[in-house]
N, C-alpha and C. Protein backbone atom coordinates (compact mmCIF):
# COMPACT_ATOMS: atom_id res chain seq x y z
N UNK A 1 105.03 125.59 117.14
CA UNK A 1 105.38 124.35 116.46
C UNK A 1 104.72 124.34 115.07
N UNK A 2 103.43 124.07 114.95
CA UNK A 2 102.75 124.12 113.66
C UNK A 2 103.18 123.06 112.67
N UNK A 3 103.76 121.95 113.14
CA UNK A 3 104.23 120.88 112.27
C UNK A 3 103.43 119.60 112.53
N UNK A 4 103.48 118.70 111.58
CA UNK A 4 102.90 117.37 111.71
C UNK A 4 104.01 116.39 112.02
N UNK A 5 103.81 115.54 113.02
CA UNK A 5 104.83 114.56 113.42
C UNK A 5 104.32 113.15 113.16
N UNK A 6 105.18 112.33 112.56
CA UNK A 6 104.88 110.93 112.28
C UNK A 6 106.00 110.10 112.87
N UNK A 7 105.63 109.16 113.76
CA UNK A 7 106.64 108.35 114.45
C UNK A 7 106.22 106.89 114.50
N UNK A 8 107.23 106.01 114.51
CA UNK A 8 106.99 104.58 114.71
C UNK A 8 106.11 103.99 113.64
N UNK A 9 105.36 102.94 114.04
CA UNK A 9 104.49 102.24 113.12
C UNK A 9 105.15 100.98 112.61
N UNK A 10 104.54 100.39 111.60
CA UNK A 10 105.11 99.15 111.07
C UNK A 10 104.93 99.10 109.57
N UNK A 11 105.87 98.46 108.97
CA UNK A 11 105.87 98.16 107.54
C UNK A 11 106.40 96.74 107.46
N UNK A 12 107.60 96.60 106.98
CA UNK A 12 108.26 95.29 107.02
C UNK A 12 108.74 94.97 108.44
N UNK A 13 109.04 96.02 109.20
CA UNK A 13 109.46 95.88 110.60
C UNK A 13 108.78 96.98 111.41
N UNK A 14 108.83 96.86 112.74
CA UNK A 14 108.33 97.91 113.61
C UNK A 14 109.41 99.00 113.71
N UNK A 15 108.98 100.24 113.65
CA UNK A 15 109.90 101.37 113.54
C UNK A 15 109.98 102.19 114.82
N UNK A 16 111.10 102.91 114.97
CA UNK A 16 111.21 103.92 116.03
C UNK A 16 111.58 105.28 115.44
N UNK A 17 111.67 105.35 114.14
CA UNK A 17 112.04 106.59 113.46
C UNK A 17 110.90 107.61 113.54
N UNK A 18 111.25 108.88 113.39
CA UNK A 18 110.28 109.98 113.44
C UNK A 18 110.63 111.02 112.38
N UNK A 19 109.58 111.59 111.82
CA UNK A 19 109.73 112.68 110.87
C UNK A 19 108.76 113.79 111.22
N UNK A 20 109.09 114.99 110.80
CA UNK A 20 108.17 116.11 110.95
C UNK A 20 107.96 116.76 109.59
N UNK A 21 106.74 117.26 109.40
CA UNK A 21 106.37 117.95 108.16
C UNK A 21 106.01 119.38 108.48
N UNK A 22 106.61 120.31 107.77
CA UNK A 22 106.34 121.72 107.94
C UNK A 22 105.50 122.20 106.74
N UNK A 23 104.20 122.45 106.96
CA UNK A 23 103.37 122.86 105.82
C UNK A 23 103.75 124.22 105.23
N UNK A 24 104.44 125.05 105.99
CA UNK A 24 104.85 126.36 105.45
C UNK A 24 105.95 126.21 104.41
N UNK A 25 106.82 125.22 104.60
CA UNK A 25 107.92 125.01 103.65
C UNK A 25 107.69 123.82 102.73
N UNK A 26 106.62 123.03 103.03
CA UNK A 26 106.32 121.82 102.27
C UNK A 26 107.48 120.83 102.31
N UNK A 27 108.14 120.72 103.49
CA UNK A 27 109.32 119.88 103.65
C UNK A 27 109.14 118.88 104.79
N UNK A 28 109.61 117.65 104.57
CA UNK A 28 109.72 116.63 105.62
C UNK A 28 111.15 116.65 106.15
N UNK A 29 111.28 116.48 107.47
CA UNK A 29 112.59 116.41 108.11
C UNK A 29 112.63 115.23 109.07
N UNK A 30 113.77 114.60 109.17
CA UNK A 30 113.96 113.54 110.15
C UNK A 30 114.29 114.17 111.49
N UNK A 31 113.65 113.68 112.55
CA UNK A 31 113.99 114.11 113.90
C UNK A 31 114.54 112.90 114.65
N UNK A 32 114.98 113.11 115.87
CA UNK A 32 115.53 112.03 116.69
C UNK A 32 114.53 110.87 116.78
N UNK A 33 115.04 109.64 116.67
CA UNK A 33 114.20 108.45 116.81
C UNK A 33 113.81 108.23 118.26
N UNK A 34 112.64 107.60 118.46
CA UNK A 34 112.22 107.23 119.81
C UNK A 34 113.21 106.23 120.39
N UNK A 35 113.19 106.04 121.69
CA UNK A 35 114.05 105.06 122.36
C UNK A 35 113.63 103.63 122.00
N UNK A 36 112.31 103.40 121.87
CA UNK A 36 111.77 102.06 121.60
C UNK A 36 111.07 102.03 120.25
N UNK A 37 111.15 100.90 119.59
CA UNK A 37 110.33 100.67 118.41
C UNK A 37 108.90 100.47 118.89
N UNK A 38 107.92 101.10 118.19
CA UNK A 38 106.52 101.04 118.63
C UNK A 38 105.58 100.97 117.43
N UNK A 39 104.54 100.15 117.58
CA UNK A 39 103.41 100.17 116.65
C UNK A 39 102.13 100.17 117.45
N UNK A 40 101.03 100.58 116.83
CA UNK A 40 99.72 100.64 117.48
C UNK A 40 99.76 101.38 118.81
N UNK A 41 100.47 102.51 118.83
CA UNK A 41 100.60 103.34 120.03
C UNK A 41 99.93 104.68 119.75
N UNK A 42 99.87 105.52 120.74
CA UNK A 42 99.33 106.86 120.56
C UNK A 42 100.44 107.89 120.68
N UNK A 43 100.34 108.91 119.86
CA UNK A 43 101.27 110.03 119.88
C UNK A 43 100.44 111.29 120.12
N UNK A 44 100.67 111.95 121.24
CA UNK A 44 99.90 113.15 121.55
C UNK A 44 100.85 114.32 121.82
N UNK A 45 100.34 115.53 121.64
CA UNK A 45 101.13 116.74 121.86
C UNK A 45 100.56 117.53 123.03
N UNK A 46 101.44 117.97 123.92
CA UNK A 46 101.09 118.88 125.00
C UNK A 46 102.16 119.96 125.03
N UNK A 47 101.73 121.21 124.88
CA UNK A 47 102.65 122.34 124.87
C UNK A 47 103.78 122.10 123.88
N UNK A 48 105.02 122.07 124.31
CA UNK A 48 106.17 121.90 123.42
C UNK A 48 106.69 120.47 123.40
N UNK A 49 105.87 119.51 123.79
CA UNK A 49 106.34 118.13 123.89
C UNK A 49 105.39 117.16 123.19
N UNK A 50 105.95 116.04 122.73
CA UNK A 50 105.17 114.92 122.24
C UNK A 50 105.30 113.78 123.23
N UNK A 51 104.26 112.97 123.34
CA UNK A 51 104.28 111.79 124.19
C UNK A 51 103.91 110.57 123.35
N UNK A 52 104.73 109.54 123.39
CA UNK A 52 104.45 108.25 122.75
C UNK A 52 104.00 107.31 123.86
N UNK A 53 102.78 106.78 123.75
CA UNK A 53 102.16 106.00 124.82
C UNK A 53 101.91 104.56 124.40
N UNK A 54 102.42 103.60 125.16
CA UNK A 54 102.08 102.19 124.99
C UNK A 54 102.38 101.64 123.61
N UNK A 55 101.54 100.69 123.18
CA UNK A 55 101.68 100.05 121.89
C UNK A 55 102.38 98.71 121.97
N UNK A 56 102.88 98.26 120.83
CA UNK A 56 103.61 96.99 120.73
C UNK A 56 105.09 97.26 120.44
N UNK A 57 105.94 96.44 121.02
CA UNK A 57 107.38 96.52 120.76
C UNK A 57 107.74 95.66 119.56
N UNK A 58 108.99 95.69 119.17
CA UNK A 58 109.42 94.91 118.01
C UNK A 58 109.42 93.41 118.26
N UNK A 59 109.35 92.98 119.51
CA UNK A 59 109.25 91.54 119.79
C UNK A 59 107.80 91.08 119.95
N UNK A 60 106.84 91.98 119.70
CA UNK A 60 105.42 91.65 119.76
C UNK A 60 104.79 91.83 121.12
N UNK A 61 105.58 92.22 122.12
CA UNK A 61 105.04 92.42 123.46
C UNK A 61 104.39 93.78 123.62
N UNK A 62 103.38 93.82 124.49
CA UNK A 62 102.74 95.09 124.80
C UNK A 62 103.66 95.97 125.63
N UNK A 63 103.54 97.28 125.46
CA UNK A 63 104.36 98.24 126.19
C UNK A 63 103.51 99.05 127.17
N UNK A 64 104.08 99.34 128.33
CA UNK A 64 103.48 100.31 129.26
C UNK A 64 104.34 101.57 129.33
N UNK A 65 105.41 101.60 128.57
CA UNK A 65 106.33 102.73 128.63
C UNK A 65 105.76 103.96 127.92
N UNK A 66 106.22 105.11 128.38
CA UNK A 66 105.85 106.40 127.80
C UNK A 66 107.15 107.15 127.52
N UNK A 67 107.25 107.70 126.31
CA UNK A 67 108.41 108.51 125.95
C UNK A 67 107.98 109.95 125.72
N UNK A 68 108.84 110.86 126.10
CA UNK A 68 108.60 112.30 125.98
C UNK A 68 109.62 112.87 125.00
N UNK A 69 109.14 113.61 124.00
CA UNK A 69 110.02 114.28 123.03
C UNK A 69 109.95 115.78 123.26
N UNK A 70 111.11 116.37 123.43
CA UNK A 70 111.23 117.82 123.55
C UNK A 70 111.83 118.33 122.24
N UNK A 71 111.03 119.06 121.45
CA UNK A 71 111.52 119.48 120.14
C UNK A 71 112.68 120.47 120.24
N UNK A 72 112.78 121.21 121.33
CA UNK A 72 113.86 122.18 121.46
C UNK A 72 115.22 121.49 121.56
N UNK A 73 115.27 120.35 122.27
CA UNK A 73 116.53 119.61 122.41
C UNK A 73 116.64 118.45 121.42
N UNK A 74 115.54 118.14 120.70
CA UNK A 74 115.49 117.01 119.76
C UNK A 74 115.88 115.71 120.46
N UNK A 75 115.29 115.45 121.63
CA UNK A 75 115.60 114.26 122.42
C UNK A 75 114.32 113.58 122.88
N UNK A 76 114.33 112.23 122.87
CA UNK A 76 113.27 111.41 123.46
C UNK A 76 113.79 110.85 124.78
N UNK A 77 112.98 110.95 125.82
CA UNK A 77 113.33 110.42 127.14
C UNK A 77 112.17 109.59 127.67
N UNK A 78 112.48 108.53 128.39
CA UNK A 78 111.42 107.79 129.07
C UNK A 78 110.90 108.62 130.22
N UNK A 79 109.59 108.56 130.43
CA UNK A 79 108.96 109.24 131.56
C UNK A 79 108.09 108.21 132.28
N UNK A 80 107.25 108.63 133.19
CA UNK A 80 106.44 107.72 134.00
C UNK A 80 105.63 106.78 133.11
N UNK A 81 105.71 105.49 133.39
CA UNK A 81 105.00 104.47 132.61
C UNK A 81 103.49 104.53 132.85
N UNK A 82 102.74 103.97 131.92
CA UNK A 82 101.30 103.80 132.09
C UNK A 82 101.03 102.80 133.22
N UNK A 83 99.82 102.81 133.81
CA UNK A 83 99.51 101.87 134.88
C UNK A 83 99.51 100.41 134.43
N UNK A 84 99.33 100.18 133.12
CA UNK A 84 99.36 98.82 132.59
C UNK A 84 99.80 98.84 131.13
N UNK A 85 100.20 97.69 130.61
CA UNK A 85 100.56 97.58 129.20
C UNK A 85 99.28 97.71 128.39
N UNK A 86 99.38 98.45 127.25
CA UNK A 86 98.15 98.80 126.54
C UNK A 86 98.42 99.03 125.05
N UNK A 87 97.39 98.75 124.23
CA UNK A 87 97.41 99.07 122.81
C UNK A 87 95.99 99.39 122.36
N UNK A 88 95.84 99.86 121.16
CA UNK A 88 94.55 100.15 120.55
C UNK A 88 93.62 100.85 121.54
N UNK A 89 93.97 102.06 121.92
CA UNK A 89 93.22 102.83 122.90
C UNK A 89 93.08 104.27 122.44
N UNK A 90 92.23 105.00 123.08
CA UNK A 90 92.05 106.41 122.78
C UNK A 90 92.86 107.26 123.73
N UNK A 91 93.30 108.40 123.27
CA UNK A 91 94.01 109.37 124.11
C UNK A 91 93.78 110.75 123.52
N UNK A 92 93.65 111.74 124.38
CA UNK A 92 93.45 113.11 123.92
C UNK A 92 94.02 114.07 124.95
N UNK A 93 94.05 115.33 124.60
CA UNK A 93 94.52 116.40 125.50
C UNK A 93 93.39 117.42 125.62
N UNK A 94 93.11 117.84 126.83
CA UNK A 94 92.10 118.88 127.06
C UNK A 94 92.78 120.15 127.51
């Protein structure tokens, strides 16, 4: 992979869009948008997948949903939800 991924967040509205940056080509590219608009969530990478965890939805409600992005198919899918709705938390991969 070797790319930087930026997804969701908020500006004037809460976003579900995603972009990737390739430092070898110095180019940004749009990738498939997440299923849900999310802000204050965590985005982590495991192997060939990204996971978007929790955060806030566009209606201001907390999310317990988790989305999985497979870069090979350029698709986001819902996967097993978190045990509770959550925001502003830490997450890492070991």
